[in-house]
Amino acid sequence: MRATLFTLEQTIRQRRSADPSTSYVAKLTARGRGKIAQKVGEEAVEAVIAAMAGNRDELVGESADLLFHLLLLLADCDISLDAVCDELERREGVSGIAEKASRPTD
C-alpha cells in the first residue's frame, strides 16, 4: 500500500501546476490551502458518517477520498509522505497515551 500512496503523492505533486481546467488537483490547488483543508475535513466527516452507518463500501470510498485530499494538503504544505511515515515509525511501539503525554503543552 505504501507504494500506491507514494505513486499518488508523485502524481499529485506533478499535477499541482497543471491546467486547472483539465486537472482537479490543479483546480483545487488554485483555490488555495483553505479550500484544500476544507475538502480534507469534508471527506473525514463523510468517512465518519459511513462508519457510523456501518456502510463498508462507502467507508472504503470515503477513506480513499480522505487520503487523496490529505496528500494534496501535505503537498501544498511541502510535507512529504515520507515525513509522515517517519513520524509513524517513530511512534511505533509507544503507547498512544504515553506518546500524547510526551508532547509539549502550549
N, C-alpha and C. Protein backbone atom coordinates (compact mmCIF):
# COMPACT_ATOMS: atom_id res chain seq x y z
N MET A 1 0.82 -1.20 0.00
CA MET A 1 0.00 0.00 0.00
C MET A 1 0.86 1.26 0.00
N ARG A 2 1.97 1.21 0.72
CA ARG A 2 2.81 2.40 0.78
C ARG A 2 3.25 2.83 -0.62
N ALA A 3 3.54 1.86 -1.51
CA ALA A 3 3.95 2.20 -2.87
C ALA A 3 2.83 2.93 -3.60
N THR A 4 1.59 2.50 -3.42
CA THR A 4 0.46 3.16 -4.06
C THR A 4 0.34 4.60 -3.58
N LEU A 5 0.51 4.81 -2.29
CA LEU A 5 0.42 6.18 -1.76
C LEU A 5 1.56 7.05 -2.26
N PHE A 6 2.76 6.48 -2.36
CA PHE A 6 3.89 7.26 -2.88
C PHE A 6 3.69 7.60 -4.36
N THR A 7 3.14 6.67 -5.13
CA THR A 7 2.83 6.95 -6.53
C THR A 7 1.79 8.06 -6.64
N LEU A 8 0.76 7.98 -5.80
CA LEU A 8 -0.26 9.02 -5.80
C LEU A 8 0.34 10.36 -5.38
N GLU A 9 1.22 10.35 -4.39
CA GLU A 9 1.87 11.58 -3.95
C GLU A 9 2.61 12.24 -5.12
N GLN A 10 3.34 11.44 -5.89
CA GLN A 10 4.09 11.98 -7.03
C GLN A 10 3.15 12.53 -8.10
N THR A 11 2.07 11.83 -8.36
CA THR A 11 1.09 12.29 -9.34
C THR A 11 0.50 13.63 -8.91
N ILE A 12 0.14 13.73 -7.64
CA ILE A 12 -0.42 14.98 -7.11
C ILE A 12 0.58 16.11 -7.26
N ARG A 13 1.83 15.87 -6.88
CA ARG A 13 2.85 16.92 -6.97
C ARG A 13 3.06 17.37 -8.42
N GLN A 14 2.99 16.44 -9.36
CA GLN A 14 3.17 16.79 -10.77
C GLN A 14 1.98 17.59 -11.31
N ARG A 15 0.80 17.28 -10.84
CA ARG A 15 -0.40 17.92 -11.39
C ARG A 15 -0.76 19.24 -10.73
N ARG A 16 -0.10 19.60 -9.65
CA ARG A 16 -0.43 20.85 -8.95
C ARG A 16 -0.29 22.07 -9.86
N SER A 17 0.66 22.00 -10.79
CA SER A 17 0.89 23.15 -11.68
C SER A 17 0.28 22.94 -13.07
N ALA A 18 -0.56 21.95 -13.21
CA ALA A 18 -1.22 21.69 -14.50
C ALA A 18 -2.30 22.73 -14.75
N ASP A 19 -2.97 22.59 -15.85
CA ASP A 19 -4.07 23.48 -16.22
C ASP A 19 -5.29 23.17 -15.34
N PRO A 20 -5.76 24.14 -14.56
CA PRO A 20 -6.91 23.89 -13.69
C PRO A 20 -8.19 23.48 -14.42
N SER A 21 -8.25 23.75 -15.71
CA SER A 21 -9.45 23.35 -16.45
C SER A 21 -9.43 21.87 -16.81
N THR A 22 -8.26 21.24 -16.68
CA THR A 22 -8.16 19.82 -17.03
C THR A 22 -7.69 18.95 -15.87
N SER A 23 -7.34 19.56 -14.74
CA SER A 23 -6.81 18.80 -13.60
C SER A 23 -7.51 19.22 -12.31
N TYR A 24 -8.14 18.26 -11.65
CA TYR A 24 -8.79 18.53 -10.37
C TYR A 24 -7.76 18.98 -9.34
N VAL A 25 -6.59 18.36 -9.34
CA VAL A 25 -5.53 18.74 -8.40
C VAL A 25 -5.15 20.20 -8.61
N ALA A 26 -4.92 20.59 -9.85
CA ALA A 26 -4.55 21.97 -10.15
C ALA A 26 -5.67 22.93 -9.79
N LYS A 27 -6.90 22.53 -10.07
CA LYS A 27 -8.06 23.39 -9.77
C LYS A 27 -8.16 23.64 -8.26
N LEU A 28 -8.03 22.57 -7.47
CA LEU A 28 -8.12 22.73 -6.02
C LEU A 28 -6.93 23.51 -5.48
N THR A 29 -5.74 23.25 -6.04
CA THR A 29 -4.55 23.99 -5.63
C THR A 29 -4.73 25.49 -5.90
N ALA A 30 -5.29 25.82 -7.05
CA ALA A 30 -5.51 27.23 -7.41
C ALA A 30 -6.49 27.92 -6.45
N ARG A 31 -7.37 27.14 -5.86
CA ARG A 31 -8.35 27.72 -4.93
C ARG A 31 -7.75 27.98 -3.55
N GLY A 32 -6.57 27.43 -3.28
CA GLY A 32 -5.86 27.76 -2.06
C GLY A 32 -5.93 26.69 -0.98
N ARG A 33 -5.02 26.84 -0.04
CA ARG A 33 -4.88 25.88 1.06
C ARG A 33 -6.16 25.76 1.89
N GLY A 34 -6.86 26.86 2.08
CA GLY A 34 -8.09 26.81 2.86
C GLY A 34 -9.11 25.87 2.23
N LYS A 35 -9.23 25.92 0.91
CA LYS A 35 -10.18 25.05 0.21
C LYS A 35 -9.73 23.59 0.28
N ILE A 36 -8.42 23.38 0.14
CA ILE A 36 -7.90 22.02 0.24
C ILE A 36 -8.17 21.47 1.64
N ALA A 37 -7.90 22.26 2.66
CA ALA A 37 -8.14 21.83 4.04
C ALA A 37 -9.62 21.56 4.28
N GLN A 38 -10.47 22.39 3.70
CA GLN A 38 -11.91 22.19 3.82
C GLN A 38 -12.31 20.83 3.24
N LYS A 39 -11.73 20.48 2.09
CA LYS A 39 -12.04 19.19 1.46
C LYS A 39 -11.57 18.03 2.34
N VAL A 40 -10.43 18.17 3.00
CA VAL A 40 -9.96 17.13 3.93
C VAL A 40 -11.00 16.95 5.03
N GLY A 41 -11.46 18.05 5.59
CA GLY A 41 -12.47 17.99 6.64
C GLY A 41 -13.76 17.36 6.16
N GLU A 42 -14.22 17.74 4.98
CA GLU A 42 -15.45 17.17 4.43
C GLU A 42 -15.32 15.66 4.25
N GLU A 43 -14.20 15.22 3.70
CA GLU A 43 -14.01 13.79 3.47
C GLU A 43 -13.90 13.03 4.79
N ALA A 44 -13.29 13.64 5.79
CA ALA A 44 -13.19 13.00 7.10
C ALA A 44 -14.57 12.80 7.71
N VAL A 45 -15.39 13.83 7.62
CA VAL A 45 -16.77 13.75 8.15
C VAL A 45 -17.55 12.68 7.39
N GLU A 46 -17.41 12.65 6.07
CA GLU A 46 -18.13 11.65 5.28
C GLU A 46 -17.67 10.24 5.63
N ALA A 47 -16.39 10.06 5.93
CA ALA A 47 -15.88 8.75 6.35
C ALA A 47 -16.48 8.35 7.70
N VAL A 48 -16.56 9.30 8.61
CA VAL A 48 -17.16 9.03 9.92
C VAL A 48 -18.63 8.65 9.78
N ILE A 49 -19.35 9.38 8.95
CA ILE A 49 -20.77 9.08 8.73
C ILE A 49 -20.93 7.67 8.16
N ALA A 50 -20.11 7.32 7.19
CA ALA A 50 -20.20 5.98 6.60
C ALA A 50 -19.88 4.91 7.63
N ALA A 51 -18.88 5.16 8.47
CA ALA A 51 -18.52 4.19 9.52
C ALA A 51 -19.67 4.01 10.51
N MET A 52 -20.26 5.12 10.92
CA MET A 52 -21.35 5.06 11.89
C MET A 52 -22.59 4.38 11.30
N ALA A 53 -22.75 4.48 9.99
CA ALA A 53 -23.88 3.84 9.32
C ALA A 53 -23.60 2.37 9.03
N GLY A 54 -22.36 1.96 9.28
CA GLY A 54 -22.00 0.58 9.01
C GLY A 54 -21.89 0.26 7.53
N ASN A 55 -21.68 1.27 6.71
CA ASN A 55 -21.62 1.08 5.26
C ASN A 55 -20.16 0.90 4.85
N ARG A 56 -19.74 -0.35 4.76
CA ARG A 56 -18.34 -0.67 4.48
C ARG A 56 -17.88 -0.11 3.13
N ASP A 57 -18.64 -0.33 2.07
CA ASP A 57 -18.24 0.14 0.75
C ASP A 57 -18.10 1.66 0.70
N GLU A 58 -19.03 2.34 1.34
CA GLU A 58 -18.96 3.80 1.36
C GLU A 58 -17.76 4.26 2.18
N LEU A 59 -17.49 3.57 3.28
CA LEU A 59 -16.33 3.93 4.11
C LEU A 59 -15.03 3.74 3.33
N VAL A 60 -14.94 2.67 2.55
CA VAL A 60 -13.75 2.46 1.73
C VAL A 60 -13.58 3.62 0.74
N GLY A 61 -14.64 3.98 0.06
CA GLY A 61 -14.57 5.08 -0.90
C GLY A 61 -14.24 6.41 -0.26
N GLU A 62 -14.88 6.71 0.85
CA GLU A 62 -14.61 7.98 1.54
C GLU A 62 -13.20 8.01 2.12
N SER A 63 -12.71 6.86 2.55
CA SER A 63 -11.33 6.78 3.07
C SER A 63 -10.33 7.07 1.96
N ALA A 64 -10.61 6.54 0.76
CA ALA A 64 -9.74 6.83 -0.39
C ALA A 64 -9.77 8.33 -0.70
N ASP A 65 -10.95 8.93 -0.67
CA ASP A 65 -11.07 10.37 -0.90
C ASP A 65 -10.29 11.16 0.16
N LEU A 66 -10.40 10.72 1.40
CA LEU A 66 -9.71 11.39 2.50
C LEU A 66 -8.20 11.32 2.32
N LEU A 67 -7.68 10.15 2.00
CA LEU A 67 -6.24 10.00 1.79
C LEU A 67 -5.77 10.86 0.62
N PHE A 68 -6.54 10.87 -0.46
CA PHE A 68 -6.19 11.70 -1.61
C PHE A 68 -6.08 13.17 -1.22
N HIS A 69 -7.11 13.68 -0.56
CA HIS A 69 -7.12 15.10 -0.21
C HIS A 69 -6.07 15.43 0.85
N LEU A 70 -5.79 14.50 1.75
CA LEU A 70 -4.73 14.72 2.74
C LEU A 70 -3.38 14.80 2.04
N LEU A 71 -3.13 13.93 1.06
CA LEU A 71 -1.88 14.01 0.31
C LEU A 71 -1.77 15.33 -0.44
N LEU A 72 -2.88 15.82 -0.96
CA LEU A 72 -2.87 17.13 -1.64
C LEU A 72 -2.55 18.24 -0.64
N LEU A 73 -3.13 18.18 0.54
CA LEU A 73 -2.83 19.19 1.57
C LEU A 73 -1.36 19.12 1.99
N LEU A 74 -0.84 17.92 2.18
CA LEU A 74 0.57 17.77 2.54
C LEU A 74 1.46 18.36 1.44
N ALA A 75 1.13 18.10 0.18
CA ALA A 75 1.91 18.66 -0.93
C ALA A 75 1.86 20.18 -0.90
N ASP A 76 0.69 20.72 -0.63
CA ASP A 76 0.55 22.18 -0.57
C ASP A 76 1.39 22.78 0.55
N CYS A 77 1.57 22.02 1.62
CA CYS A 77 2.37 22.47 2.77
C CYS A 77 3.83 22.05 2.63
N ASP A 78 4.19 21.46 1.49
CA ASP A 78 5.54 20.97 1.23
C ASP A 78 6.01 19.98 2.31
N ILE A 79 5.10 19.07 2.67
CA ILE A 79 5.42 18.00 3.61
C ILE A 79 5.29 16.69 2.84
N SER A 80 6.32 15.88 2.91
CA SER A 80 6.32 14.63 2.15
C SER A 80 5.61 13.52 2.93
N LEU A 81 5.13 12.56 2.18
CA LEU A 81 4.55 11.36 2.80
C LEU A 81 5.63 10.65 3.61
N ASP A 82 6.87 10.69 3.15
CA ASP A 82 7.98 10.11 3.92
C ASP A 82 8.05 10.71 5.32
N ALA A 83 7.87 12.02 5.44
CA ALA A 83 7.94 12.67 6.75
C ALA A 83 6.84 12.13 7.67
N VAL A 84 5.65 11.93 7.13
CA VAL A 84 4.55 11.39 7.92
C VAL A 84 4.83 9.94 8.30
N CYS A 85 5.31 9.16 7.35
CA CYS A 85 5.65 7.75 7.64
C CYS A 85 6.77 7.66 8.66
N ASP A 86 7.74 8.55 8.56
CA ASP A 86 8.83 8.57 9.55
C ASP A 86 8.28 8.84 10.95
N GLU A 87 7.33 9.75 11.04
CA GLU A 87 6.73 10.06 12.34
C GLU A 87 5.96 8.86 12.88
N LEU A 88 5.23 8.18 12.01
CA LEU A 88 4.51 6.98 12.44
C LEU A 88 5.48 5.90 12.91
N GLU A 89 6.58 5.74 12.19
CA GLU A 89 7.59 4.76 12.59
C GLU A 89 8.22 5.14 13.92
N ARG A 90 8.43 6.43 14.15
CA ARG A 90 8.99 6.89 15.42
C ARG A 90 8.06 6.52 16.58
N ARG A 91 6.77 6.58 16.31
CA ARG A 91 5.78 6.28 17.35
C ARG A 91 5.53 4.79 17.54
N GLU A 92 6.00 3.97 16.60
CA GLU A 92 5.77 2.53 16.66
C GLU A 92 6.24 1.97 18.01
N GLY A 93 5.37 1.20 18.63
CA GLY A 93 5.71 0.57 19.90
C GLY A 93 5.56 1.46 21.11
N VAL A 94 5.13 2.69 20.89
CA VAL A 94 4.92 3.63 22.00
C VAL A 94 3.42 3.71 22.26
N SER A 95 3.04 3.57 23.49
CA SER A 95 1.63 3.69 23.85
C SER A 95 1.10 5.04 23.39
N GLY A 96 -0.10 5.03 22.83
CA GLY A 96 -0.72 6.28 22.41
C GLY A 96 -0.87 7.26 23.56
N ILE A 97 -1.17 6.74 24.72
CA ILE A 97 -1.31 7.61 25.90
C ILE A 97 0.04 8.21 26.26
N ALA A 98 1.10 7.39 26.24
CA ALA A 98 2.44 7.89 26.57
C ALA A 98 2.92 8.89 25.52
N GLU A 99 2.66 8.59 24.25
CA GLU A 99 3.10 9.49 23.18
C GLU A 99 2.42 10.85 23.31
N LYS A 100 1.13 10.84 23.57
CA LYS A 100 0.41 12.11 23.69
C LYS A 100 0.90 12.89 24.92
N ALA A 101 1.18 12.19 26.01
CA ALA A 101 1.67 12.84 27.24
C ALA A 101 3.05 13.47 27.04
N SER A 102 3.84 12.93 26.09
CA SER A 102 5.19 13.44 25.87
C SER A 102 5.22 14.71 25.03
N ARG A 103 4.10 15.08 24.45
CA ARG A 103 4.06 16.28 23.61
C ARG A 103 4.11 17.52 24.48
N PRO A 104 4.80 18.55 23.99
CA PRO A 104 4.81 19.81 24.77
C PRO A 104 3.42 20.42 24.83
N THR A 105 3.13 21.03 25.94
CA THR A 105 1.84 21.72 26.09
C THR A 105 2.05 23.20 25.84
N ASP A 106 1.06 23.81 25.24
CA ASP A 106 1.16 25.26 24.94
C ASP A 106 0.59 26.08 26.04
